[in-house]
Every structure is written in structure tokens, then in C-alpha cells.
PDB file of N, CA and C in Angstrom:
ATOM      1  N   UNK A   1     198.782 175.679 206.813  1.00  0.00           N
ATOM      2  CA  UNK A   1     199.779 176.416 206.835  1.00  0.00           C
ATOM      3  C   UNK A   1     200.746 175.310 205.363  1.00  0.00           C
ATOM      4  N   UNK A   2     200.509 176.028 204.814  1.00  0.00           N
ATOM      5  CA  UNK A   2     201.090 175.134 203.207  1.00  0.00           C
ATOM      6  C   UNK A   2     202.854 174.553 203.690  1.00  0.00           C
ATOM      7  N   UNK A   3     203.207 173.522 202.867  1.00  0.00           N
ATOM      8  CA  UNK A   3     204.748 172.966 203.120  1.00  0.00           C
ATOM      9  C   UNK A   3     205.376 173.939 202.280  1.00  0.00           C
ATOM     10  N   UNK A   4     206.900 173.961 202.508  1.00  0.00           N
ATOM     11  CA  UNK A   4     207.604 174.358 201.451  1.00  0.00           C
ATOM     12  C   UNK A   4     208.257 173.805 200.579  1.00  0.00           C
ATOM     13  N   UNK A   5     208.320 173.939 199.702  1.00  0.00           N
ATOM     14  CA  UNK A   5     208.493 172.782 197.915  1.00  0.00           C
ATOM     15  C   UNK A   5     209.718 172.755 199.089  1.00  0.00           C
ATOM     16  N   UNK A   6     210.356 171.100 198.393  1.00  0.00           N
ATOM     17  CA  UNK A   6     211.874 171.161 198.190  1.00  0.00           C
ATOM     18  C   UNK A   6     212.572 171.639 197.887  1.00  0.00           C
ATOM     19  N   UNK A   7     214.260 171.713 198.466  1.00  0.00           N
ATOM     20  CA  UNK A   7     214.982 172.507 197.423  1.00  0.00           C
ATOM     21  C   UNK A   7     215.970 171.452 197.161  1.00  0.00           C
ATOM     22  N   UNK A   8     216.419 171.757 195.856  1.00  0.00           N
ATOM     23  CA  UNK A   8     217.870 171.094 195.173  1.00  0.00           C
ATOM     24  C   UNK A   8     218.422 171.604 195.182  1.00  0.00           C
ATOM     25  N   UNK A   9     220.330 171.007 195.762  1.00  0.00           N
ATOM     26  CA  UNK A   9     221.215 172.188 194.956  1.00  0.00           C
ATOM     27  C   UNK A   9     222.118 170.756 194.450  1.00  0.00           C
ATOM     28  N   UNK A  10     222.492 170.622 192.922  1.00  0.00           N
ATOM     29  CA  UNK A  10     222.908 170.052 192.214  1.00  0.00           C
ATOM     30  C   UNK A  10     224.664 170.126 192.286  1.00  0.00           C
ATOM     31  N   UNK A  11     225.213 169.263 192.130  1.00  0.00           N
ATOM     32  CA  UNK A  11     227.023 169.717 192.246  1.00  0.00           C
ATOM     33  C   UNK A  11     227.559 168.449 191.791  1.00  0.00           C
ATOM     34  N   UNK A  12     228.342 168.826 190.697  1.00  0.00           N
ATOM     35  CA  UNK A  12     228.731 167.855 190.220  1.00  0.00           C
ATOM     36  C   UNK A  12     230.173 167.383 191.258  1.00  0.00           C
ATOM     37  N   UNK A  13     230.205 166.123 191.052  1.00  0.00           N
ATOM     38  CA  UNK A  13     231.740 165.380 191.805  1.00  0.00           C
ATOM     39  C   UNK A  13     232.583 165.361 190.584  1.00  0.00           C
ATOM     40  N   UNK A  14     234.213 165.657 191.539  1.00  0.00           N
ATOM     41  CA  UNK A  14     235.520 166.056 190.858  1.00  0.00           C
ATOM     42  C   UNK A  14     235.857 164.246 190.835  1.00  0.00           C
ATOM     43  N   UNK A  15     236.099 164.204 189.416  1.00  0.00           N
ATOM     44  CA  UNK A  15     237.092 162.865 189.236  1.00  0.00           C
ATOM     45  C   UNK A  15     238.209 163.009 189.949  1.00  0.00           C
ATOM     46  N   UNK A  16     238.042 161.190 190.477  1.00  0.00           N
ATOM     47  CA  UNK A  16     239.211 160.781 190.976  1.00  0.00           C
ATOM     48  C   UNK A  16     240.758 161.369 191.103  1.00  0.00           C
ATOM     49  N   UNK A  17     240.730 161.666 189.686  1.00  0.00           N
ATOM     50  CA  UNK A  17     242.173 161.969 189.223  1.00  0.00           C
ATOM     51  C   UNK A  17     242.410 163.553 189.599  1.00  0.00           C
ATOM     52  N   UNK A  18     241.496 164.111 190.360  1.00  0.00           N
ATOM     53  CA  UNK A  18     241.822 165.549 190.570  1.00  0.00           C
ATOM     54  C   UNK A  18     242.511 165.442 192.268  1.00  0.00           C
ATOM     55  N   UNK A  19     242.586 164.335 192.749  1.00  0.00           N
ATOM     56  CA  UNK A  19     243.120 164.282 193.877  1.00  0.00           C
ATOM     57  C   UNK A  19     244.365 164.820 194.215  1.00  0.00           C
ATOM     58  N   UNK A  20     245.312 164.656 193.620  1.00  0.00           N
ATOM     59  CA  UNK A  20     246.572 164.861 193.444  1.00  0.00           C
ATOM     60  C   UNK A  20     246.541 166.632 193.652  1.00  0.00           C
ATOM     61  N   UNK A  21     245.765 167.150 192.889  1.00  0.00           N
ATOM     62  CA  UNK A  21     245.837 168.548 192.685  1.00  0.00           C
ATOM     63  C   UNK A  21     245.862 169.105 194.205  1.00  0.00           C
ATOM     64  N   UNK A  22     246.486 170.584 193.849  1.00  0.00           N
ATOM     65  CA  UNK A  22     246.307 171.319 195.328  1.00  0.00           C
ATOM     66  C   UNK A  22     245.590 171.779 196.136  1.00  0.00           C
ATOM     67  N   UNK A  23     244.013 171.533 195.157  1.00  0.00           N
ATOM     68  CA  UNK A  23     242.870 171.645 195.685  1.00  0.00           C
ATOM     69  C   UNK A  23     242.400 170.210 196.179  1.00  0.00           C
ATOM     70  N   UNK A  24     242.868 169.121 196.802  1.00  0.00           N
ATOM     71  CA  UNK A  24     242.393 168.015 196.866  1.00  0.00           C
ATOM     72  C   UNK A  24     241.563 168.071 198.156  1.00  0.00           C
ATOM     73  N   UNK A  25     240.491 167.378 198.328  1.00  0.00           N
ATOM     74  CA  UNK A  25     239.833 167.546 200.087  1.00  0.00           C
ATOM     75  C   UNK A  25     240.350 167.237 200.376  1.00  0.00           C
ATOM     76  N   UNK A  26     241.270 166.462 201.282  1.00  0.00           N
ATOM     77  CA  UNK A  26     242.318 166.162 202.475  1.00  0.00           C
ATOM     78  C   UNK A  26     243.087 167.174 202.513  1.00  0.00           C
ATOM     79  N   UNK A  27     243.532 168.525 201.998  1.00  0.00           N
ATOM     80  CA  UNK A  27     244.487 168.983 201.804  1.00  0.00           C
ATOM     81  C   UNK A  27     243.871 170.850 202.421  1.00  0.00           C
ATOM     82  N   UNK A  28     242.541 171.129 202.395  1.00  0.00           N
ATOM     83  CA  UNK A  28     241.792 171.706 202.711  1.00  0.00           C
ATOM     84  C   UNK A  28     240.812 171.561 203.873  1.00  0.00           C
ATOM     85  N   UNK A  29     241.248 172.384 205.033  1.00  0.00           N
ATOM     86  CA  UNK A  29     240.657 172.209 206.150  1.00  0.00           C
ATOM     87  C   UNK A  29     239.196 172.517 206.387  1.00  0.00           C
ATOM     88  N   UNK A  30     238.130 171.533 206.295  1.00  0.00           N
ATOM     89  CA  UNK A  30     236.690 171.827 206.694  1.00  0.00           C
ATOM     90  C   UNK A  30     235.886 170.916 205.525  1.00  0.00           C
ATOM     91  N   UNK A  31     237.203 170.245 204.270  1.00  0.00           N
ATOM     92  CA  UNK A  31     236.412 169.312 203.085  1.00  0.00           C
ATOM     93  C   UNK A  31     236.739 168.444 203.775  1.00  0.00           C
ATOM     94  N   UNK A  32     235.612 167.558 203.053  1.00  0.00           N
ATOM     95  CA  UNK A  32     235.180 166.320 203.440  1.00  0.00           C
ATOM     96  C   UNK A  32     234.968 165.528 201.724  1.00  0.00           C
ATOM     97  N   UNK A  33     235.424 164.493 201.812  1.00  0.00           N
ATOM     98  CA  UNK A  33     235.497 163.826 200.216  1.00  0.00           C
ATOM     99  C   UNK A  33     234.160 163.060 200.930  1.00  0.00           C
ATOM    100  N   UNK A  34     233.247 163.516 199.116  1.00  0.00           N
ATOM    101  CA  UNK A  34     231.674 162.693 199.439  1.00  0.00           C
ATOM    102  C   UNK A  34     231.910 161.017 199.644  1.00  0.00           C
ATOM    103  N   UNK A  35     232.741 160.174 199.185  1.00  0.00           N
ATOM    104  CA  UNK A  35     232.966 159.316 199.560  1.00  0.00           C
ATOM    105  C   UNK A  35     232.976 158.991 201.080  1.00  0.00           C
ATOM    106  N   UNK A  36     233.335 159.853 201.457  1.00  0.00           N
ATOM    107  CA  UNK A  36     233.519 159.587 203.325  1.00  0.00           C
ATOM    108  C   UNK A  36     231.806 159.692 203.363  1.00  0.00           C
ATOM    109  N   UNK A  37     231.238 160.273 203.121  1.00  0.00           N
ATOM    110  CA  UNK A  37     230.202 160.657 203.060  1.00  0.00           C
ATOM    111  C   UNK A  37     228.430 160.106 202.724  1.00  0.00           C
ATOM    112  N   UNK A  38     229.288 159.351 201.865  1.00  0.00           N
ATOM    113  CA  UNK A  38     228.318 157.806 201.168  1.00  0.00           C
ATOM    114  C   UNK A  38     228.537 156.921 201.567  1.00  0.00           C
ATOM    115  N   UNK A  39     229.564 156.589 201.843  1.00  0.00           N
ATOM    116  CA  UNK A  39     230.388 155.300 202.318  1.00  0.00           C
ATOM    117  C   UNK A  39     229.789 153.877 201.255  1.00  0.00           C
ATOM    118  N   UNK A  40     229.706 154.156 199.997  1.00  0.00           N
ATOM    119  CA  UNK A  40     229.437 153.068 199.375  1.00  0.00           C
ATOM    120  C   UNK A  40     227.763 153.203 198.822  1.00  0.00           C
ATOM    121  N   UNK A  41     227.069 154.246 199.695  1.00  0.00           N
ATOM    122  CA  UNK A  41     225.839 154.277 199.620  1.00  0.00           C
ATOM    123  C   UNK A  41     225.300 155.214 198.540  1.00  0.00           C
ATOM    124  N   UNK A  42     224.337 155.315 198.125  1.00  0.00           N
ATOM    125  CA  UNK A  42     223.874 155.861 197.158  1.00  0.00           C
ATOM    126  C   UNK A  42     222.937 157.620 197.461  1.00  0.00           C
ATOM    127  N   UNK A  43     222.975 157.641 198.882  1.00  0.00           N
ATOM    128  CA  UNK A  43     222.200 158.119 199.403  1.00  0.00           C
ATOM    129  C   UNK A  43     222.470 158.144 200.852  1.00  0.00           C
ATOM    130  N   UNK A  44     222.228 159.268 201.643  1.00  0.00           N
ATOM    131  CA  UNK A  44     222.384 159.536 203.100  1.00  0.00           C
ATOM    132  C   UNK A  44     221.997 160.370 203.381  1.00  0.00           C
ATOM    133  N   UNK A  45     220.986 160.530 204.533  1.00  0.00           N
ATOM    134  CA  UNK A  45     220.335 161.401 205.201  1.00  0.00           C
ATOM    135  C   UNK A  45     221.564 162.069 206.566  1.00  0.00           C
ATOM    136  N   UNK A  46     221.367 163.617 206.361  1.00  0.00           N
ATOM    137  CA  UNK A  46     222.285 164.425 207.394  1.00  0.00           C
ATOM    138  C   UNK A  46     220.684 165.155 207.744  1.00  0.00           C
ATOM    139  N   UNK A  47     221.298 164.984 209.005  1.00  0.00           N
ATOM    140  CA  UNK A  47     220.633 166.033 210.075  1.00  0.00           C
ATOM    141  C   UNK A  47     221.393 167.144 210.380  1.00  0.00           C
ATOM    142  N   UNK A  48     220.439 168.552 210.646  1.00  0.00           N
ATOM    143  CA  UNK A  48     221.380 169.727 210.881  1.00  0.00           C
ATOM    144  C   UNK A  48     220.347 170.675 211.065  1.00  0.00           C
ATOM    145  N   UNK A  49     220.525 171.668 212.299  1.00  0.00           N
ATOM    146  CA  UNK A  49     219.459 172.272 212.824  1.00  0.00           C
ATOM    147  C   UNK A  49     217.584 172.146 212.634  1.00  0.00           C
ATOM    148  N   UNK A  50     218.115 170.405 213.470  1.00  0.00           N
ATOM    149  CA  UNK A  50     216.564 169.824 213.806  1.00  0.00           C
ATOM    150  C   UNK A  50     215.851 169.360 212.059  1.00  0.00           C
ATOM    151  N   UNK A  51     216.404 169.415 211.408  1.00  0.00           N
ATOM    152  CA  UNK A  51     215.507 169.013 210.274  1.00  0.00           C
ATOM    153  C   UNK A  51     216.468 167.752 209.173  1.00  0.00           C
ATOM    154  N   UNK A  52     216.396 167.424 208.968  1.00  0.00           N
ATOM    155  CA  UNK A  52     216.742 165.865 207.842  1.00  0.00           C
ATOM    156  C   UNK A  52     216.415 166.304 206.250  1.00  0.00           C
ATOM    157  N   UNK A  53     218.147 166.429 205.811  1.00  0.00           N
ATOM    158  CA  UNK A  53     218.206 166.549 203.993  1.00  0.00           C
ATOM    159  C   UNK A  53     219.057 165.607 203.703  1.00  0.00           C
ATOM    160  N   UNK A  54     218.274 164.980 202.439  1.00  0.00           N
ATOM    161  CA  UNK A  54     218.822 164.006 202.001  1.00  0.00           C
ATOM    162  C   UNK A  54     220.330 164.426 201.238  1.00  0.00           C
ATOM    163  N   UNK A  55     221.118 163.730 200.892  1.00  0.00           N
ATOM    164  CA  UNK A  55     222.498 163.835 199.713  1.00  0.00           C
ATOM    165  C   UNK A  55     222.312 162.348 198.627  1.00  0.00           C
ATOM    166  N   UNK A  56     222.181 162.878 197.745  1.00  0.00           N
ATOM    167  CA  UNK A  56     222.412 161.738 196.776  1.00  0.00           C
ATOM    168  C   UNK A  56     223.469 161.761 195.594  1.00  0.00           C
ATOM    169  N   UNK A  57     223.665 160.775 195.436  1.00  0.00           N
ATOM    170  CA  UNK A  57     224.578 160.498 194.042  1.00  0.00           C
ATOM    171  C   UNK A  57     224.202 160.339 192.754  1.00  0.00           C
ATOM    172  N   UNK A  58     224.285 160.811 191.896  1.00  0.00           N
ATOM    173  CA  UNK A  58     223.651 160.232 190.255  1.00  0.00           C
ATOM    174  C   UNK A  58     224.494 159.238 189.396  1.00  0.00           C
ATOM    175  N   UNK A  59     223.612 158.781 188.786  1.00  0.00           N
ATOM    176  CA  UNK A  59     224.906 157.920 187.959  1.00  0.00           C
ATOM    177  C   UNK A  59     225.373 159.063 186.995  1.00  0.00           C
ATOM    178  N   UNK A  60     225.066 160.020 187.416  1.00  0.00           N
ATOM    179  CA  UNK A  60     226.055 160.865 186.352  1.00  0.00           C
ATOM    180  C   UNK A  60     227.539 161.338 186.795  1.00  0.00           C
ATOM    181  N   UNK A  61     227.475 161.365 188.189  1.00  0.00           N
ATOM    182  CA  UNK A  61     228.268 161.625 189.381  1.00  0.00           C
ATOM    183  C   UNK A  61     228.106 163.152 189.904  1.00  0.00           C
ATOM    184  N   UNK A  62     226.648 163.567 189.591  1.00  0.00           N
ATOM    185  CA  UNK A  62     226.639 164.801 190.404  1.00  0.00           C
ATOM    186  C   UNK A  62     225.754 164.357 191.910  1.00  0.00           C
ATOM    187  N   UNK A  63     226.296 165.475 192.301  1.00  0.00           N
ATOM    188  CA  UNK A  63     225.670 165.527 194.068  1.00  0.00           C
ATOM    189  C   UNK A  63     223.900 166.079 193.683  1.00  0.00           C
ATOM    190  N   UNK A  64     223.201 165.073 195.020  1.00  0.00           N
ATOM    191  CA  UNK A  64     221.772 167.069 194.491  1.00  0.00           C
ATOM    192  C   UNK A  64     221.693 166.595 196.378  1.00  0.00           C
ATOM    193  N   UNK A  65     221.339 167.638 197.031  1.00  0.00           N
ATOM    194  CA  UNK A  65     221.350 167.618 198.481  1.00  0.00           C
ATOM    195  C   UNK A  65     219.169 168.170 198.501  1.00  0.00           C
ATOM    196  N   UNK A  66     218.777 167.432 199.412  1.00  0.00           N
ATOM    197  CA  UNK A  66     217.026 168.060 199.155  1.00  0.00           C
ATOM    198  C   UNK A  66     216.603 168.020 200.562  1.00  0.00           C
ATOM    199  N   UNK A  67     215.960 168.725 200.494  1.00  0.00           N
ATOM    200  CA  UNK A  67     215.610 168.904 201.808  1.00  0.00           C
ATOM    201  C   UNK A  67     213.579 168.488 202.193  1.00  0.00           C
TER     202      UNK A  67
END
């Protein structure tokens, strides 16, 4: 059985200046700021339904989630 190819999702991080907007991460239920997830690291592993995903912050301020 062949292994599935890794899937990647790329999302832009919002600039810090948007923190005061009504849509800020702390004002929406269930929304977690990326800095809380990454804790100063460039990558973090996330376990979900028995699988491990990697969340990575790029130099351009984007996020990449790979399986």
C-alpha cells in the first residue's frame, strides 16, 4: 500500500497591528493566537486523531500545516 503524499495548508499570519480590531484572536471563541501555539519556536507538532501534524511559521509570516 503506498503512502499518501503530505498535504499542506498555507495561511498568512495577521500583523500585530490587527490585535485591536474587533476580530482579534482573544475576542473570538475557540480562536488561538499562533504565538501561543508556537511559543517562540518556528515549528510545533500537533497530535490530532492519532496523527501528527507539523505547524511551521515561515520567514514571510505565513503558516504551513503539513501531515
